[in-house]
Amino acid sequence: MCFLNGTVIQNIQIDNDLKSLRCFVKRASSFSNDLALDVDPADPIFIMEFTGIYNNLLLEVLHNQSKTCYVVNAVEIKKFTWAHKRKE
């Protein structure tokens, strides 16, 4: 899921392979252009759940492309999404 100010703007599922992840990072970097947002499309911030070994390939892709990335505990993500759902 991709959030902007607590609103889901994209909800997609991708394969965990290099080609798919590189394509995702490129696509995610263009979200602000697609939505006419006033943010730098070249510098999105990626926040992902720690999933053991499953997030490592995406971390590698993001690191190789010098993208800002945070890996957080799933409980923190759940708190974030729950808090924003309560505001609606």
Protein backbone atom coordinates (compact mmCIF):
# COMPACT_ATOMS: atom_id res chain seq x y z
CA MET A 1 0.00 0.00 0.00
CA CYS A 2 1.15 3.51 -0.68
CA PHE A 3 -0.09 6.21 1.67
CA LEU A 4 -0.22 9.96 1.34
CA ASN A 5 -1.38 11.92 4.37
CA GLY A 6 -3.09 8.80 5.74
CA THR A 7 -4.94 7.99 2.51
CA VAL A 8 -4.19 4.88 0.47
CA ILE A 9 -3.23 6.06 -3.02
CA GLN A 10 -2.02 2.71 -4.41
CA ASN A 11 -2.65 -0.87 -3.34
CA ILE A 12 -0.69 -3.28 -5.49
CA GLN A 13 0.90 -6.70 -5.21
CA ILE A 14 4.21 -7.49 -6.93
CA ASP A 15 6.47 -10.49 -7.30
CA ASN A 16 9.58 -10.63 -5.14
CA ASP A 17 12.13 -10.73 -7.97
CA LEU A 18 14.62 -8.15 -9.24
CA LYS A 19 12.75 -7.21 -12.41
CA SER A 20 9.40 -6.69 -10.62
CA LEU A 21 10.95 -4.78 -7.74
CA ARG A 22 12.92 -2.45 -10.02
CA CYS A 23 9.73 -1.77 -11.98
CA PHE A 24 7.85 -1.08 -8.73
CA VAL A 25 10.48 1.39 -7.51
CA LYS A 26 10.37 3.20 -10.85
CA ARG A 27 6.56 3.27 -10.77
CA ALA A 28 6.46 4.42 -7.15
CA SER A 29 8.83 7.25 -8.03
CA SER A 30 6.28 8.50 -10.56
CA PHE A 31 3.22 8.43 -8.26
CA SER A 32 3.57 12.12 -7.44
CA ASN A 33 3.60 12.99 -11.16
CA ASP A 34 0.58 10.78 -11.85
CA LEU A 35 -1.38 12.38 -9.00
CA ALA A 36 -0.16 15.95 -9.61
CA LEU A 37 1.31 16.12 -6.12
CA ASP A 38 3.64 18.84 -4.94
CA VAL A 39 6.46 16.48 -3.91
CA ASP A 40 9.76 15.54 -5.49
CA PRO A 41 9.07 12.43 -7.60
CA ALA A 42 12.75 11.54 -7.58
CA ASP A 43 12.82 11.15 -3.81
CA PRO A 44 9.93 9.04 -2.49
CA ILE A 45 10.27 7.55 0.99
CA PHE A 46 9.77 3.81 1.21
CA ILE A 47 8.55 2.31 4.47
CA MET A 48 8.21 -1.45 4.69
CA GLU A 49 7.38 -4.09 7.19
CA PHE A 50 10.23 -6.24 8.46
CA THR A 51 9.48 -9.71 7.05
CA GLY A 52 12.67 -11.59 7.83
CA ILE A 53 14.40 -12.49 4.59
CA TYR A 54 11.52 -11.52 2.28
CA ASN A 55 12.16 -7.77 2.34
CA ASN A 56 15.92 -8.09 1.69
CA LEU A 57 15.71 -8.01 -2.10
CA LEU A 58 13.61 -4.84 -2.10
CA LEU A 59 16.05 -3.28 0.39
CA GLU A 60 18.90 -4.12 -1.97
CA VAL A 61 17.08 -2.56 -4.96
CA LEU A 62 16.28 0.59 -2.95
CA HIS A 63 19.84 0.86 -1.64
CA ASN A 64 21.31 0.45 -5.14
CA GLN A 65 19.06 3.27 -6.36
CA SER A 66 19.91 5.49 -3.34
CA LYS A 67 16.28 5.65 -2.20
CA THR A 68 15.26 6.57 1.34
CA CYS A 69 13.89 3.48 3.07
CA TYR A 70 12.75 2.54 6.56
CA VAL A 71 12.07 -0.98 7.80
CA VAL A 72 9.61 -1.06 10.70
CA ASN A 73 7.89 -3.58 12.89
CA ALA A 74 4.50 -4.77 11.58
CA VAL A 75 2.86 -3.62 14.82
CA GLU A 76 3.88 -0.02 14.07
CA ILE A 77 2.39 -0.21 10.57
CA LYS A 78 -0.83 -1.64 11.98
CA LYS A 79 -0.99 1.19 14.56
CA PHE A 80 -0.49 3.77 11.81
CA THR A 81 -3.19 2.39 9.53
CA TRP A 82 -5.59 1.84 12.43
CA ALA A 83 -5.10 5.39 13.71
CA HIS A 84 -5.82 6.85 10.28
CA LYS A 85 -8.92 4.67 9.81
CA ARG A 86 -10.29 5.99 13.13
CA LYS A 87 -10.01 9.58 11.87
CA GLU A 88 -12.32 8.87 8.93
